[in-house]
Amino acid sequence: MKKKILLSVLFIISLIPMFFSQYGGAKGVQEVSGIINLTNPIGFIAVILFFVGIWGNFKNTNIRKYFPYIAMVGIILSELNNFLTWNYPNTSYLEGIKNSFNMVFPMFYIGLIVSILLIIVYRFTDKKIKD
C-alpha cells in the first residue's frame, strides 16, 4: 500500500509542470497551458492507465507492471504531439515545426525532462520498495 501511494504521489508531482504556460508567442499575450497535454486523448488515457496499473487488482502481474510504463510513455508522446501540432493549423507543416521550436516556453522542456526522469525514478522505486 505504501508503494502504491508513493508511486501515485511521484506521478502527480511529475504533472506539476503541466499547470504552467508551455506554449505561446509571448508571456501575457499568447499562452497555452500544459494542461492541453492531459486533455489530449493520448494524455487522458495515459493518466487513466497509470492509476489503473497502480491501483488495479490483476491476476496477471505483468499487466500491472506494464500499464504504468505505457502511461508514462503516453504522457511523453502527448507532450511531443502537442509541441509539434499546437499551432499547426495556422501555418504550413514546415513553418509549423519551426514555429513550435520558436514559440515554446522553458517550462515545456522542464516538463518533458521531468516526464522522462519519472520513468527512471519509477523503475528504481518499483524495484527497491516491496509491496
Protein backbone atom coordinates (compact mmCIF):
# COMPACT_ATOMS: atom_id res chain seq x y z
CA MET A 1 0.00 0.00 0.00
CA LYS A 2 2.85 2.37 0.87
CA LYS A 3 4.44 1.65 -2.51
CA LYS A 4 1.22 2.43 -4.39
CA ILE A 5 0.79 5.74 -2.57
CA LEU A 6 4.43 6.72 -3.17
CA LEU A 7 4.26 5.89 -6.89
CA SER A 8 0.98 7.79 -7.25
CA VAL A 9 2.41 10.84 -5.48
CA LEU A 10 5.51 10.75 -7.70
CA PHE A 11 3.29 10.68 -10.78
CA ILE A 12 1.15 13.57 -9.57
CA ILE A 13 4.27 15.61 -8.74
CA SER A 14 5.58 14.95 -12.26
CA LEU A 15 2.41 16.56 -13.64
CA ILE A 16 3.04 19.91 -11.87
CA PRO A 17 4.81 21.47 -14.91
CA MET A 18 1.57 20.95 -16.87
CA PHE A 19 -0.07 23.72 -14.84
CA PHE A 20 2.31 26.35 -16.21
CA SER A 21 2.34 28.01 -19.62
CA GLN A 22 4.28 25.82 -22.02
CA TYR A 23 3.35 27.09 -25.46
CA GLY A 24 2.77 30.55 -26.90
CA GLY A 25 4.16 33.56 -28.66
CA ALA A 26 4.80 35.84 -25.71
CA LYS A 27 4.15 35.73 -21.98
CA GLY A 28 0.94 37.51 -21.13
CA VAL A 29 -0.10 37.83 -24.77
CA GLN A 30 -0.41 34.34 -26.19
CA GLU A 31 -0.01 31.49 -23.72
CA VAL A 32 -1.22 27.93 -23.76
CA SER A 33 -1.13 25.93 -20.55
CA GLY A 34 0.41 22.49 -20.43
CA ILE A 35 -3.00 21.16 -19.38
CA ILE A 36 -3.65 20.55 -23.07
CA ASN A 37 -1.15 17.68 -22.76
CA LEU A 38 -3.52 15.99 -20.33
CA THR A 39 -6.73 16.85 -22.18
CA ASN A 40 -5.30 15.38 -25.36
CA PRO A 41 -6.78 11.86 -25.77
CA ILE A 42 -3.31 10.30 -25.50
CA GLY A 43 -2.58 12.13 -22.25
CA PHE A 44 -6.02 11.48 -20.79
CA ILE A 45 -5.82 7.74 -21.48
CA ALA A 46 -2.25 7.68 -20.15
CA VAL A 47 -3.31 9.14 -16.79
CA ILE A 48 -6.12 6.59 -16.50
CA LEU A 49 -3.79 3.71 -17.47
CA PHE A 50 -1.27 4.78 -14.85
CA PHE A 51 -3.73 4.72 -12.00
CA VAL A 52 -5.37 1.50 -13.23
CA GLY A 53 -1.92 -0.10 -13.37
CA ILE A 54 -1.02 1.05 -9.86
CA TRP A 55 -4.32 0.54 -8.06
CA GLY A 56 -5.96 -2.19 -10.14
CA ASN A 57 -6.10 -5.76 -8.95
CA PHE A 58 -4.93 -8.01 -11.76
CA LYS A 59 -4.25 -11.71 -11.58
CA ASN A 60 -1.55 -11.26 -14.19
CA THR A 61 1.21 -9.19 -12.58
CA ASN A 62 2.73 -8.34 -15.98
CA ILE A 63 -0.32 -6.21 -16.84
CA ARG A 64 0.03 -4.35 -13.58
CA LYS A 65 3.72 -3.71 -14.28
CA TYR A 66 3.36 -2.63 -17.91
CA PHE A 67 0.40 -0.24 -17.61
CA PRO A 68 2.33 2.47 -15.71
CA TYR A 69 5.23 2.34 -18.17
CA ILE A 70 2.85 2.57 -21.13
CA ALA A 71 1.17 5.51 -19.40
CA MET A 72 4.41 7.37 -18.74
CA VAL A 73 5.46 6.96 -22.38
CA GLY A 74 1.95 8.11 -23.35
CA ILE A 75 2.41 11.34 -21.38
CA ILE A 76 5.70 11.98 -23.20
CA LEU A 77 4.05 11.27 -26.57
CA SER A 78 1.21 13.62 -25.69
CA GLU A 79 3.70 16.37 -24.85
CA LEU A 80 5.60 15.86 -28.09
CA ASN A 81 2.40 15.66 -30.13
CA ASN A 82 1.12 18.93 -28.71
CA PHE A 83 4.53 20.53 -29.10
CA LEU A 84 4.59 19.79 -32.82
CA THR A 85 0.93 20.46 -33.58
CA TRP A 86 -0.49 23.10 -31.22
CA ASN A 87 -0.05 25.91 -33.76
CA TYR A 88 -0.09 23.75 -36.90
CA PRO A 89 -3.45 24.75 -38.47
CA ASN A 90 -2.28 28.36 -38.90
CA THR A 91 0.81 27.60 -40.98
CA SER A 92 2.36 25.14 -43.38
CA TYR A 93 3.83 21.96 -41.96
CA LEU A 94 7.48 23.06 -42.08
CA GLU A 95 6.65 26.53 -40.84
CA GLY A 96 4.62 24.97 -38.03
CA ILE A 97 7.57 22.85 -36.88
CA LYS A 98 9.86 25.88 -36.99
CA ASN A 99 7.31 27.89 -35.01
CA SER A 100 7.00 25.07 -32.50
CA PHE A 101 10.63 25.48 -31.53
CA ASN A 102 10.40 29.28 -31.56
CA MET A 103 7.11 29.52 -29.65
CA VAL A 104 7.68 27.28 -26.68
CA PHE A 105 8.43 28.32 -23.13
CA PRO A 106 11.16 26.75 -20.96
CA MET A 107 8.51 25.05 -18.81
CA PHE A 108 7.80 22.70 -21.74
CA TYR A 109 11.36 21.41 -21.67
CA ILE A 110 11.28 21.14 -17.88
CA GLY A 111 8.04 19.16 -18.09
CA LEU A 112 9.47 16.86 -20.76
CA ILE A 113 12.62 16.23 -18.72
CA VAL A 114 10.55 15.57 -15.58
CA SER A 115 8.38 13.10 -17.50
CA ILE A 116 11.45 11.24 -18.77
CA LEU A 117 13.05 11.24 -15.31
CA LEU A 118 9.82 9.84 -13.87
CA ILE A 119 10.37 6.62 -15.81
CA ILE A 120 13.82 6.21 -14.25
CA VAL A 121 12.61 7.11 -10.75
CA TYR A 122 9.57 4.85 -11.12
CA ARG A 123 11.74 1.90 -12.17
CA PHE A 124 14.14 2.47 -9.27
CA THR A 125 11.32 2.86 -6.75
CA ASP A 126 9.41 -0.12 -8.09
CA LYS A 127 12.46 -2.36 -7.72
CA LYS A 128 13.58 -1.13 -4.28
CA ILE A 129 10.30 -0.98 -2.40
CA LYS A 130 8.43 -4.22 -1.90
CA ASP A 131 4.63 -4.31 -1.62
